[in-house]
Structures are given as C-alpha cells and as structure tokens.
Protein backbone atom coordinates (compact mmCIF):
# COMPACT_ATOMS: atom_id res chain seq x y z
CA MET A 1 144.96 -133.14 104.17
CA THR A 2 142.40 -135.08 102.59
CA LYS A 3 143.48 -136.51 99.16
CA LEU A 4 142.94 -134.54 96.52
CA PHE A 5 140.83 -135.86 93.13
CA MET A 6 142.20 -136.13 89.66
CA PHE A 7 139.86 -132.96 88.45
CA GLU A 8 139.62 -130.97 91.71
CA LYS A 9 140.86 -127.32 91.33
CA PRO A 10 141.92 -124.98 94.25
CA GLN A 11 139.14 -123.58 96.20
CA GLY A 12 137.10 -120.23 94.30
CA MET A 13 139.52 -121.56 91.11
CA ARG A 14 137.31 -121.63 88.07
CA ASP A 15 137.49 -122.96 84.21
CA THR A 16 136.53 -121.13 81.41
CA LEU A 17 135.20 -122.39 78.41
CA PRO A 18 135.10 -121.77 74.41
CA GLU A 19 131.38 -120.23 75.14
CA LEU A 20 132.05 -118.04 78.40
CA TYR A 21 135.31 -116.81 76.89
CA GLN A 22 133.97 -115.38 74.17
CA LEU A 23 131.36 -113.56 75.61
CA LYS A 24 134.03 -112.50 78.45
CA GLN A 25 136.65 -111.36 75.55
CA GLN A 26 133.19 -109.52 74.29
CA ILE A 27 132.63 -107.62 77.01
CA LYS A 28 136.43 -106.36 77.53
CA ARG A 29 136.75 -105.40 74.07
CA GLY A 30 133.84 -103.10 74.67
CA VAL A 31 134.71 -101.52 78.14
CA THR A 32 138.49 -101.24 76.24
CA GLN A 33 137.34 -99.27 73.28
CA GLU A 34 135.65 -96.81 75.76
CA VAL A 35 138.10 -96.06 78.06
CA THR A 36 140.67 -95.66 75.58
CA GLN A 37 138.54 -93.97 73.86
CA TRP A 38 138.16 -91.42 76.86
CA GLY A 39 142.20 -91.14 76.48
CA TYR A 40 142.89 -93.56 78.84
CA GLU A 41 146.45 -95.43 78.71
CA PHE A 42 146.94 -99.17 79.48
CA VAL A 43 149.31 -100.67 81.97
CA GLU A 44 150.29 -103.88 83.24
CA THR A 45 151.39 -104.66 86.98
CA PRO A 46 153.31 -108.16 88.21
CA THR A 47 151.17 -110.76 88.83
CA VAL A 48 153.03 -111.10 92.08
CA GLU A 49 153.80 -108.50 94.54
CA PHE A 50 156.20 -108.20 97.82
CA ASN A 51 153.58 -107.95 100.74
CA GLU A 52 155.06 -105.09 102.80
CA THR A 53 153.90 -102.65 99.79
CA VAL A 54 151.33 -103.37 97.55
CA GLY A 55 149.99 -106.40 100.07
CA SER A 56 149.89 -104.25 102.91
CA ALA A 57 148.52 -101.29 100.71
CA SER A 58 145.50 -102.91 99.21
CA ALA A 59 143.10 -102.77 102.11
CA ILE A 60 142.17 -106.31 101.64
CA LEU A 61 142.36 -108.58 104.67
CA ASP A 62 145.20 -110.79 105.33
CA ARG A 63 143.64 -114.10 105.52
CA GLN A 64 142.01 -113.39 101.95
CA LEU A 65 146.01 -112.95 100.39
CA PHE A 66 147.67 -115.74 98.46
CA LYS A 67 151.28 -115.45 100.06
CA LEU A 68 154.55 -117.33 98.94
CA LEU A 69 157.93 -117.06 99.61
CA ASP A 70 161.03 -115.99 97.06
CA GLN A 71 164.55 -117.74 97.40
CA GLU A 72 165.35 -114.50 99.41
CA GLY A 73 162.81 -115.16 102.05
CA ASN A 74 160.62 -112.47 101.19
CA THR A 75 156.67 -112.73 101.53
CA LEU A 76 154.95 -111.64 98.51
CA VAL A 77 151.07 -111.95 97.52
CA LEU A 78 149.60 -112.59 94.51
CA ARG A 79 147.82 -109.17 93.67
CA PRO A 80 144.96 -108.88 95.56
CA ASP A 81 143.68 -105.70 93.56
CA MET A 82 144.97 -103.42 90.74
CA THR A 83 144.63 -100.31 92.81
CA ALA A 84 147.49 -100.28 95.03
CA PRO A 85 149.60 -101.31 91.98
CA ILE A 86 148.74 -98.72 89.82
CA ALA A 87 149.65 -96.72 93.12
CA ARG A 88 153.19 -97.97 92.85
CA ILE A 89 153.64 -97.29 89.37
CA ALA A 90 152.48 -93.90 89.49
CA ALA A 91 154.23 -92.59 92.90
CA SER A 92 157.41 -94.42 91.37
CA THR A 93 158.59 -94.99 87.44
CA MET A 94 155.48 -92.78 86.44
CA LYS A 95 156.21 -90.13 89.59
CA ALA A 96 157.54 -87.24 87.24
CA SER A 97 154.59 -87.70 84.59
CA GLU A 98 152.62 -85.18 83.35
CA ARG A 99 149.49 -85.10 86.14
CA PRO A 100 146.88 -85.62 85.94
CA LEU A 101 147.56 -89.23 84.78
CA ARG A 102 144.82 -90.94 83.09
CA LEU A 103 145.39 -95.16 83.32
CA THR A 104 143.31 -98.62 82.71
CA TYR A 105 143.79 -102.10 83.20
CA ASP A 106 142.47 -105.50 82.20
CA ALA A 107 143.55 -107.94 84.47
CA ALA A 108 143.12 -110.90 86.95
CA VAL A 109 143.07 -110.31 90.91
CA PHE A 110 143.39 -112.95 93.69
CA ARG A 111 141.90 -113.41 96.58
CA ALA A 112 141.57 -116.30 98.96
CA GLN A 113 138.30 -118.01 99.88
CA GLN A 114 136.59 -119.91 102.71
CA TYR A 115 135.44 -123.16 101.64
CA GLU A 116 131.87 -122.06 102.50
CA GLY A 117 131.89 -118.98 100.96
CA GLY A 118 131.36 -119.98 97.19
CA ARG A 119 133.00 -117.04 96.00
CA PRO A 120 135.70 -116.60 93.22
CA ALA A 121 139.36 -116.58 94.52
CA GLU A 122 140.70 -115.45 90.79
CA PHE A 123 138.39 -112.80 88.98
CA GLU A 124 139.06 -110.15 85.92
CA GLN A 125 138.63 -106.39 86.67
CA ALA A 126 138.64 -103.96 84.40
CA GLY A 127 138.92 -100.60 85.39
CA VAL A 128 140.64 -97.09 85.58
CA GLU A 129 142.46 -94.52 87.56
CA LEU A 130 142.24 -91.09 87.45
CA ILE A 131 145.79 -89.83 90.02
CA GLY A 132 146.46 -86.25 90.24
CA ASP A 133 143.08 -84.12 90.11
CA ASP A 134 141.43 -83.40 93.30
CA SER A 135 138.65 -81.93 91.41
CA VAL A 136 134.87 -83.10 91.43
CA SER A 137 134.94 -82.69 87.92
CA ALA A 138 137.25 -86.02 88.20
CA ASP A 139 134.72 -87.86 89.95
CA ALA A 140 132.02 -87.05 87.78
CA GLU A 141 134.95 -88.38 85.08
CA VAL A 142 134.90 -91.61 86.49
CA ILE A 143 131.83 -92.59 87.41
CA SER A 144 130.73 -91.43 83.75
CA LEU A 145 133.06 -93.52 82.15
CA MET A 146 132.12 -96.54 84.19
CA VAL A 147 128.23 -95.58 83.01
CA SER A 148 129.56 -95.63 79.28
CA SER A 149 131.77 -98.77 79.71
CA MET A 150 128.54 -100.80 80.88
CA LYS A 151 126.77 -99.00 78.42
CA ALA A 152 129.38 -100.33 75.81
CA ALA A 153 129.79 -103.92 77.31
CA GLY A 154 126.36 -104.30 76.41
CA ILE A 155 124.98 -104.47 79.75
CA PRO A 156 121.00 -103.84 79.35
CA THR A 157 120.33 -102.59 82.41
CA TYR A 158 122.43 -100.87 85.11
CA GLN A 159 122.19 -98.47 87.77
CA VAL A 160 124.85 -96.58 89.86
CA ALA A 161 124.19 -95.53 93.75
CA VAL A 162 126.65 -92.77 94.53
CA GLY A 163 127.41 -91.53 98.12
CA HIS A 164 130.07 -90.18 100.01
CA VAL A 165 131.97 -92.09 102.71
CA GLY A 166 133.10 -88.56 104.48
CA PHE A 167 130.06 -87.81 105.42
CA VAL A 168 129.22 -91.51 107.35
CA ASN A 169 132.46 -91.26 109.26
CA ALA A 170 131.83 -87.33 110.23
CA LEU A 171 128.24 -88.43 110.90
CA LEU A 172 129.46 -91.55 112.79
CA LYS A 173 131.92 -90.11 114.74
CA GLU A 174 129.90 -87.24 115.99
CA VAL A 175 127.15 -89.10 117.51
CA LEU A 176 129.38 -92.20 118.43
CA GLY A 177 132.32 -90.49 119.97
CA ASN A 178 134.86 -92.85 119.48
CA GLU A 179 136.40 -95.06 115.82
CA LYS A 180 136.15 -98.62 117.40
CA ARG A 181 132.21 -98.30 117.86
CA ALA A 182 132.25 -96.10 114.31
CA SER A 183 133.88 -99.06 112.51
CA GLU A 184 131.58 -101.68 114.50
CA PHE A 185 128.67 -99.83 112.58
CA ARG A 186 130.49 -99.03 108.87
CA ARG A 187 131.01 -103.03 108.83
CA TYR A 188 127.49 -103.20 108.97
CA LEU A 189 126.81 -100.35 106.09
CA TYR A 190 129.41 -102.46 103.89
CA GLU A 191 127.69 -105.78 104.66
CA LYS A 192 123.99 -104.08 103.87
CA ASN A 193 123.25 -105.70 107.22
CA TYR A 194 120.34 -102.96 108.33
CA VAL A 195 118.58 -105.32 110.39
CA GLY A 196 122.08 -105.61 112.39
CA PHE A 197 122.65 -101.98 112.34
CA ARG A 198 119.15 -101.20 114.04
CA LYS A 199 119.67 -103.99 116.67
CA ALA A 200 123.04 -102.34 117.57
CA VAL A 201 121.79 -98.70 117.66
CA GLU A 202 118.95 -99.66 120.38
CA GLN A 203 121.51 -100.93 122.51
CA LEU A 204 123.56 -98.06 122.24
CA PRO A 205 123.15 -95.61 125.69
CA LEU A 206 122.36 -92.53 123.39
CA SER A 207 119.75 -90.30 123.45
CA SER A 208 116.42 -90.86 121.30
CA LEU A 209 117.60 -87.73 119.78
CA ASP A 210 120.88 -89.28 118.74
CA LYS A 211 119.38 -92.68 117.72
CA ARG A 212 117.12 -91.22 115.51
CA ARG A 213 120.10 -89.71 113.75
CA LEU A 214 121.84 -93.20 113.29
CA LEU A 215 118.18 -94.48 112.04
CA GLU A 216 117.72 -91.91 109.89
CA LEU A 217 121.35 -92.40 108.11
CA LEU A 218 119.27 -95.70 106.75
CA ARG A 219 116.70 -93.97 105.17
CA LEU A 220 119.01 -91.68 102.67
CA LYS A 221 118.58 -92.64 99.68
CA GLY A 222 116.38 -91.33 96.49
CA ASP A 223 117.29 -87.90 94.42
CA ALA A 224 118.73 -85.10 95.46
CA SER A 225 116.46 -83.68 97.87
CA ILE A 226 117.59 -86.14 100.49
CA ILE A 227 120.88 -83.71 100.58
CA GLU A 228 119.05 -81.47 102.60
CA ARG A 229 117.20 -84.23 104.90
CA ALA A 230 121.18 -85.03 105.48
CA ARG A 231 122.30 -81.98 106.39
CA SER A 232 120.26 -81.68 109.43
CA ILE A 233 121.22 -84.69 110.96
CA THR A 234 125.00 -83.57 111.22
CA GLU A 235 126.41 -80.39 112.68
CA SER A 236 129.88 -81.68 112.06
CA ARG A 237 132.26 -79.27 109.19
CA ALA A 238 133.50 -82.30 107.54
CA GLY A 239 129.61 -83.96 107.08
CA GLN A 240 128.35 -80.68 105.89
CA LYS A 241 131.39 -80.09 103.34
CA ALA A 242 130.92 -83.50 101.73
CA LEU A 243 127.41 -83.11 100.93
CA ASP A 244 128.87 -79.74 99.48
CA GLN A 245 130.84 -81.66 97.51
CA LEU A 246 127.94 -84.49 96.22
CA GLU A 247 125.80 -81.38 95.25
CA ASN A 248 128.59 -79.86 92.93
CA LEU A 249 129.22 -83.27 92.15
CA LEU A 250 125.61 -83.82 90.63
CA ASP A 251 125.85 -80.75 88.85
CA VAL A 252 128.92 -82.17 86.65
CA LEU A 253 126.96 -85.47 86.38
CA ALA A 254 123.99 -83.63 84.97
CA ASP A 255 126.20 -82.17 82.16
CA PHE A 256 127.50 -85.61 81.32
CA ASP A 257 123.90 -86.96 81.09
CA VAL A 258 123.79 -89.74 83.09
CA GLU A 259 121.68 -88.67 85.92
CA ASP A 260 119.12 -90.78 84.91
CA CYS A 261 120.61 -94.00 86.04
CA LEU A 262 121.88 -92.48 89.26
CA ILE A 263 120.43 -92.91 92.73
CA LEU A 264 121.84 -91.30 95.84
CA ASP A 265 123.19 -93.80 98.61
CA LEU A 266 124.18 -91.68 101.47
CA ASN A 267 124.97 -94.85 103.91
CA LEU A 268 126.99 -96.30 101.13
CA VAL A 269 130.49 -98.00 102.53
CA MET A 270 132.93 -99.41 100.67
CA HIS A 271 134.97 -102.96 101.13
CA MET A 272 138.06 -100.62 100.95
CA SER A 273 139.25 -98.66 103.59
CA TYR A 274 141.41 -96.98 101.26
CA TYR A 275 138.32 -94.17 100.43
CA THR A 276 138.33 -91.41 101.35
CA GLY A 277 135.64 -89.31 99.54
CA VAL A 278 133.12 -89.67 96.78
CA VAL A 279 132.59 -93.51 96.82
CA PHE A 280 129.77 -95.44 93.68
CA GLU A 281 128.52 -98.84 92.90
CA ALA A 282 126.90 -100.16 89.90
CA TYR A 283 124.23 -102.49 90.01
CA SER A 284 122.40 -104.50 87.24
CA GLU A 285 118.59 -105.81 87.73
CA GLY A 286 118.68 -109.47 88.88
CA LEU A 287 121.80 -109.47 90.09
CA GLY A 288 122.50 -109.93 93.98
CA TYR A 289 125.56 -108.13 94.10
CA PRO A 290 127.34 -105.23 92.79
CA LEU A 291 128.86 -104.97 89.06
CA GLY A 292 131.75 -102.87 90.15
CA GLY A 293 132.49 -99.76 91.69
CA GLY A 294 135.00 -97.07 93.13
CA GLY A 295 135.59 -93.73 94.15
CA ARG A 296 138.48 -91.06 95.42
CA TYR A 297 141.25 -92.43 97.76
CA ASP A 298 143.21 -89.04 98.30
CA GLN A 299 145.72 -91.00 101.06
CA LEU A 300 146.84 -94.18 99.28
CA LEU A 301 149.61 -92.77 97.29
CA GLY A 302 151.12 -91.44 100.42
CA ARG A 303 151.55 -95.33 101.23
CA PHE A 304 154.20 -95.03 98.91
CA HIS A 305 155.74 -91.57 99.80
CA HIS A 306 154.15 -89.82 97.11
CA GLU A 307 150.78 -88.21 98.39
CA GLU A 308 148.43 -86.97 95.23
CA PRO A 309 144.77 -87.29 95.38
CA ALA A 310 143.04 -90.13 92.83
CA THR A 311 140.10 -91.11 91.80
CA GLY A 312 139.04 -94.70 89.77
CA PHE A 313 136.63 -97.82 88.87
CA GLY A 314 136.49 -101.16 88.58
CA LEU A 315 134.54 -103.73 86.93
CA ARG A 316 134.12 -107.47 87.55
CA VAL A 317 134.41 -108.91 83.80
CA ASP A 318 132.61 -112.06 85.39
CA ARG A 319 129.61 -110.34 86.75
CA MET A 320 129.03 -108.71 83.80
CA THR A 321 129.00 -112.11 82.03
CA GLU A 322 125.86 -112.64 84.28
CA ALA A 323 124.27 -109.48 83.66
CA LEU A 324 123.96 -110.10 80.01
CA GLY A 325 121.64 -112.60 80.72
CA GLN A 326 122.44 -114.52 77.92
CA ALA A 327 122.09 -118.35 78.35
CA LYS A 328 125.50 -120.24 77.43
CA GLN A 329 125.42 -120.79 73.37
CA SER A 330 127.86 -122.96 71.57
CA VAL A 331 130.15 -121.38 69.78
CA GLN A 332 129.27 -121.34 66.00
CA LYS A 333 132.64 -121.74 64.29
CA ASP A 334 133.23 -120.20 61.00
CA VAL A 335 134.76 -122.40 58.25
CA CYS A 336 135.99 -125.89 58.06
CA VAL A 337 138.33 -127.18 55.11
CA ILE A 338 137.76 -130.99 54.97
CA TYR A 339 140.39 -132.97 52.88
CA SER A 340 141.91 -135.86 51.80
CA SER A 341 145.29 -136.75 51.24
CA GLU A 342 145.14 -136.56 47.41
CA ARG A 343 143.80 -132.70 48.00
CA ARG A 344 145.74 -131.45 50.84
CA ARG A 345 147.77 -128.95 48.53
CA GLU A 346 144.62 -127.62 47.25
CA ALA A 347 143.04 -127.49 50.65
CA PHE A 348 145.63 -125.59 52.38
CA ALA A 349 145.80 -123.18 49.51
CA GLU A 350 142.11 -122.60 49.68
CA ALA A 351 142.46 -122.44 53.43
CA LYS A 352 145.00 -119.16 53.24
CA ARG A 353 142.98 -117.61 50.61
CA LEU A 354 139.78 -117.93 52.73
CA ARG A 355 141.69 -116.50 56.00
CA SER A 356 143.60 -113.49 53.69
CA GLU A 357 139.47 -112.36 53.47
CA GLY A 358 139.48 -112.48 57.34
CA ARG A 359 137.71 -115.42 57.65
CA SER A 360 138.45 -117.88 60.60
CA VAL A 361 139.38 -121.33 59.09
CA VAL A 362 139.70 -125.14 60.31
CA ILE A 363 141.68 -127.52 58.26
CA GLN A 364 140.81 -131.11 59.22
CA GLU A 365 141.96 -134.25 57.19
CA ILE A 366 138.57 -136.55 56.83
CA SER A 367 140.35 -139.64 58.27
CA GLY A 368 140.47 -137.63 61.90
CA ILE A 369 136.85 -137.79 61.94
CA ALA A 370 134.00 -140.02 63.14
CA ASN A 371 131.10 -138.73 62.25
CA ILE A 372 131.61 -135.88 59.25
CA ASP A 373 127.68 -134.52 59.44
CA ALA A 374 128.36 -133.99 63.23
CA TYR A 375 131.45 -132.53 62.66
CA SER A 376 130.28 -130.24 60.29
CA LYS A 377 127.52 -128.94 61.80
CA GLN A 378 130.17 -126.68 64.51
CA PHE A 379 130.68 -124.71 61.33
CA ASP A 380 128.69 -121.97 59.29
CA ARG A 381 130.34 -123.52 56.21
CA THR A 382 132.09 -126.33 55.01
CA ALA A 383 134.32 -126.52 52.13
CA TYR A 384 135.13 -130.33 50.96
CA TYR A 385 138.41 -131.39 49.36
CA VAL A 386 138.10 -134.99 49.10
CA GLY A 387 138.89 -137.55 46.46
CA SER A 388 141.09 -137.58 43.54
CA ASN A 389 138.25 -135.91 41.22
CA GLY A 390 135.90 -134.11 43.49
CA GLU A 391 134.98 -130.44 43.43
CA GLY A 392 136.38 -127.93 46.00
CA GLY A 393 134.79 -125.06 47.25
CA VAL A 394 132.86 -123.51 50.25
CA LYS A 395 129.45 -125.12 50.76
CA ARG A 396 126.77 -123.96 53.50
C-alpha cells in the first residue's frame, strides 16, 4: 500500500461544497414535496446491514460491496441500494401493515469502484417503493411519479424508456435454449454493447431465421407500433403476456398524461437481477447515463420469507444536478451584521429581529475581518454597528 497524501480521499468518495450542496437540497426538496403529495411515507434504514440478508439480496456484485466485521464476527455491508433494505422492512416490522404500502426514501448508498472507473462510490438516491400491488396501474403510477418528480426537481428535459424484462428473457430463452447463453446476451444489452451483441449473434450456431429474431430485438425502440413487430419474433406465452402487459400499461399512462415523454425500448435490461416485469430508465439531454430508473421486482420480498409483488424507482441526486445544466454559482448569502465590541448588544438584537422575519443572518465582529469590502460582497445586505456613535441599519 502506498503512502496516502494528506488531502487524499478514498476511491470514489467526493466532497460536496456549499454551491453544489445548495443545488442538491433544491432538487431533493422538489422530489420530497412531490412524492409526499402522492401519499408516500418516508422511512429510514441503517447505513450498515448484514451481508447475509440485505447484502446478498441487493443484486449488487460482491466485489462492489463495502464489507466490515462487527464484534461478534458477523460480516456487515454499507447498504449498496435502498430497495433491498426497504423490502426487509416490509417483510418484517411492516409485515402486518395494510397493503399496498407506499414508502419513500432519500439516502446515501455505497458501491466500491475500481480505480480506473471514475464513478462515485457514495451517492444519494431519492425514490419510492409501492409494495403489495401487482396491477399494471401500480407500474404506471411509479413511472408517472418519477416523471413528475423530475419535473418538480426542475429537470429541463427528460425522456423515459419503458421495457419489459419478461419479454427479453422469454425471447432469449426461446432462441438460445439455455440460461448461460441468455445471461451473456443480457449483459450485452445492459451494457448497451450492441456491437458486441451483433458479433456474438453471428457466431452462434443458429438458423438465419433465429439470428434475425435476435437482431430484430435491437431495433425494437419507438412508439406503441413496435409491439406488433415484437409479437412477430416471439412465440412463447411468456413473451406474449409481457407484451399484453405493456399495451395495458400504455393505456394507463395515457390517462396519467405522460405519454409524450415516453419511448418503448424492448431491449432494455437493468443491472439489478431481481427485476421481473416492467422496467424503465430516465434520461436527460446531454447526459450520457440515466438519471435513474426502476421496475417491478415481484420475487425480492420472497428472499425475506414474505413473497409479495412490488415496484418502484430510484433517482440519482448527483446526476440530476448535472442534468440541470447550471454552472456552479457562488452562494449569495442573505444578511451580515458587522459590529464592534461597543455595539455588540445592539447588533445581536438586530440579528435576532431579522431572524424572526425569516432572514438568514451572519454576525461578525469587525476585528475578525481582513478586508471588509470583499467580505461584505458575499451578502445581499450588510448591517454595520460600528463605533460608539454610528448608526445601525441594514444597507444594500
């Protein structure tokens, strides 16, 4: 291990300075207000969970888990996502609560990164989980809520891609015949490595018809008309059922009035292996990675011995700050009361009065300032209480 520099941070960890912190808070306030107005209730989970429970259920690769030991030798993990911890809550302390459950969260998650990855190892997610409802209406609700949450956060442009992992799984199983091959092709789709997907198809010992079916999967992006094209390349009952669900979903989403920002993407595969049905991702113009996403995960709660349907989404707060496209601006502070020792009591009283009016007030003794003019420029207004006979008052 090389010697660390004094100011070096662990790989993937980031500092948040006042300008960015303020922007993140603005985004989270918008999302929080929106999800609570839709009737979702906040929950918090521990930062540290047992590896045997949440760690194994999270579907995050083992090498990405931050692990540590407690005093009794149990392996713990820093929570790698929020869906698995909330599934634990729903299956235990909220097991007897009336269904459906509508839960929301805003929390940091942790995933170890390789040195060449350049990705954050800690980031905030804001999202919801709708537990106990297996209807298409539940899928439509969380998609629509994600759209309205992005709007409330001030994201200027966005699009949501909607797919169905059941369709992808059915087609791959139907054509490839075994799970090992299907897993390889799902990885190409998740990584959006379409060149690799095509090359792998050409190397398969399949008929030209079956190869065309696989390659057609890559072209299934667009409006509702692609569903009929999708029906022509799958014969399985599971594949047709998935397409029926998507048609029903589009009908409900039309009533939510969000269809203008939607696109069907029938080769959409998420990195979480626990998704079982409808899946979706949100994108913003000029950003090379999704703002967030989600989907249906009807089998995850069974890992906690309480099987029931569920769906939800998570939004990346750090990526939403990038999507806002705002240059970092210095934080312009509200009011500063600059005082000398002779007028300290008077200055403190003025600061108290201003705070009672809802103003943010800094009080600063003049002897602690090296450059009064430069210091004062940080504030919208400055009040001077200096000298034995000077006049007090807020000045621009």
